[in-house]
Amino acid sequence: MPAISIIVPVYNMSSSLARSVDSLLNQSFADFEAILVDDGSKDDSGALCDAYALRDSLRAALSITVGIVPVSL
């Protein structure tokens, strides 16, 4: 189990997703997992998440569309 889990919310950020995820994966600290959560992006963010999950399967752990609904407290 990794020491840290980093959750990256993804929604229509295909233009900056690669830079963000590459920055995480290039850190000198390696005992972490990156969890990419795509919430129904209209661009190709989901496909990029899937590509990272396949390419860096040890660290890019998850790419899902969850359709989060805001809840009022």
C-alpha atoms as a PDB file:
ATOM      1  CA  MET A   1       0.000   0.000   0.000  1.00  0.00           C
ATOM      2  CA  PRO A   2       1.394   3.429  -0.958  1.00  0.00           C
ATOM      3  CA  ALA A   3       2.300   5.956   1.719  1.00  0.00           C
ATOM      4  CA  ILE A   4       0.158   8.665   0.085  1.00  0.00           C
ATOM      5  CA  SER A   5      -2.848   8.776  -2.236  1.00  0.00           C
ATOM      6  CA  ILE A   6      -3.179  11.858  -4.430  1.00  0.00           C
ATOM      7  CA  ILE A   7      -6.666  12.396  -5.822  1.00  0.00           C
ATOM      8  CA  VAL A   8      -6.818  14.503  -8.971  1.00  0.00           C
ATOM      9  CA  PRO A   9     -10.293  15.696  -9.976  1.00  0.00           C
ATOM     10  CA  VAL A  10     -10.544  15.857 -13.757  1.00  0.00           C
ATOM     11  CA  TYR A  11     -13.225  17.744 -15.662  1.00  0.00           C
ATOM     12  CA  ASN A  12     -12.582  19.141 -19.136  1.00  0.00           C
ATOM     13  CA  MET A  13      -8.892  19.725 -18.517  1.00  0.00           C
ATOM     14  CA  SER A  14      -7.337  17.944 -21.479  1.00  0.00           C
ATOM     15  CA  SER A  15      -5.182  20.985 -22.261  1.00  0.00           C
ATOM     16  CA  SER A  16      -3.410  20.848 -18.878  1.00  0.00           C
ATOM     17  CA  LEU A  17      -3.886  17.244 -17.730  1.00  0.00           C
ATOM     18  CA  ALA A  18      -0.627  15.920 -19.181  1.00  0.00           C
ATOM     19  CA  ARG A  19       1.404  18.652 -17.514  1.00  0.00           C
ATOM     20  CA  SER A  20      -0.299  18.024 -14.164  1.00  0.00           C
ATOM     21  CA  VAL A  21       0.014  14.238 -14.188  1.00  0.00           C
ATOM     22  CA  ASP A  22       3.556  14.271 -15.582  1.00  0.00           C
ATOM     23  CA  SER A  23       4.534  16.580 -12.735  1.00  0.00           C
ATOM     24  CA  LEU A  24       3.171  14.074 -10.225  1.00  0.00           C
ATOM     25  CA  LEU A  25       4.840  11.097 -11.880  1.00  0.00           C
ATOM     26  CA  ASN A  26       8.214  12.854 -12.091  1.00  0.00           C
ATOM     27  CA  GLN A  27       8.494  13.502  -8.351  1.00  0.00           C
ATOM     28  CA  SER A  28      11.492  12.020  -6.549  1.00  0.00           C
ATOM     29  CA  PHE A  29       9.166  10.615  -3.870  1.00  0.00           C
ATOM     30  CA  ALA A  30       7.809   7.415  -5.387  1.00  0.00           C
ATOM     31  CA  ASP A  31       5.664   5.818  -2.670  1.00  0.00           C
ATOM     32  CA  PHE A  32       2.325   7.230  -3.810  1.00  0.00           C
ATOM     33  CA  GLU A  33      -0.629   6.478  -6.024  1.00  0.00           C
ATOM     34  CA  ALA A  34      -2.357   9.016  -8.254  1.00  0.00           C
ATOM     35  CA  ILE A  35      -6.108   8.558  -8.515  1.00  0.00           C
ATOM     36  CA  LEU A  36      -7.541  10.369 -11.539  1.00  0.00           C
ATOM     37  CA  VAL A  37     -11.290  10.925 -11.186  1.00  0.00           C
ATOM     38  CA  ASP A  38     -12.972  12.010 -14.406  1.00  0.00           C
ATOM     39  CA  ASP A  39     -16.484  13.292 -13.797  1.00  0.00           C
ATOM     40  CA  GLY A  40     -17.943  13.060 -17.287  1.00  0.00           C
ATOM     41  CA  SER A  41     -15.653  15.406 -19.184  1.00  0.00           C
ATOM     42  CA  LYS A  42     -16.913  16.595 -22.564  1.00  0.00           C
ATOM     43  CA  ASP A  43     -13.378  16.722 -24.001  1.00  0.00           C
ATOM     44  CA  ASP A  44     -10.831  13.904 -24.276  1.00  0.00           C
ATOM     45  CA  SER A  45      -9.765  14.073 -20.603  1.00  0.00           C
ATOM     46  CA  GLY A  46     -11.232  10.620 -19.933  1.00  0.00           C
ATOM     47  CA  ALA A  47      -9.203   9.054 -22.735  1.00  0.00           C
ATOM     48  CA  LEU A  48      -6.051  10.740 -21.422  1.00  0.00           C
ATOM     49  CA  CYS A  49      -6.762   9.373 -17.929  1.00  0.00           C
ATOM     50  CA  ASP A  50      -7.198   5.896 -19.392  1.00  0.00           C
ATOM     51  CA  ALA A  51      -3.896   6.211 -21.263  1.00  0.00           C
ATOM     52  CA  TYR A  52      -2.080   7.182 -18.055  1.00  0.00           C
ATOM     53  CA  ALA A  53      -3.704   4.306 -16.180  1.00  0.00           C
ATOM     54  CA  LEU A  54      -2.440   1.860 -18.821  1.00  0.00           C
ATOM     55  CA  ARG A  55       1.006   3.388 -19.194  1.00  0.00           C
ATOM     56  CA  ASP A  56       1.708   4.021 -15.506  1.00  0.00           C
ATOM     57  CA  SER A  57      -0.450   1.306 -13.980  1.00  0.00           C
ATOM     58  CA  LEU A  58       1.455   1.286 -10.713  1.00  0.00           C
ATOM     59  CA  ARG A  59       0.707   4.937  -9.993  1.00  0.00           C
ATOM     60  CA  ALA A  60      -2.203   6.152 -12.119  1.00  0.00           C
ATOM     61  CA  ALA A  61      -4.608   3.894 -10.326  1.00  0.00           C
ATOM     62  CA  LEU A  62      -8.078   4.880 -11.429  1.00  0.00           C
ATOM     63  CA  SER A  63     -10.009   6.721 -14.095  1.00  0.00           C
ATOM     64  CA  ILE A  64     -13.771   6.780 -13.673  1.00  0.00           C
ATOM     65  CA  THR A  65     -16.808   8.855 -14.492  1.00  0.00           C
ATOM     66  CA  VAL A  66     -18.923   9.190 -11.380  1.00  0.00           C
ATOM     67  CA  GLY A  67     -21.480  11.924 -12.053  1.00  0.00           C
ATOM     68  CA  ILE A  68     -21.124  13.585  -8.662  1.00  0.00           C
ATOM     69  CA  VAL A  69     -24.255  15.395  -7.512  1.00  0.00           C
ATOM     70  CA  PRO A  70     -23.795  18.358  -5.143  1.00  0.00           C
ATOM     71  CA  VAL A  71     -25.406  17.952  -1.743  1.00  0.00           C
ATOM     72  CA  SER A  72     -26.634  20.868   0.383  1.00  0.00           C
ATOM     73  CA  LEU A  73     -25.952  20.692   4.088  1.00  0.00           C
END
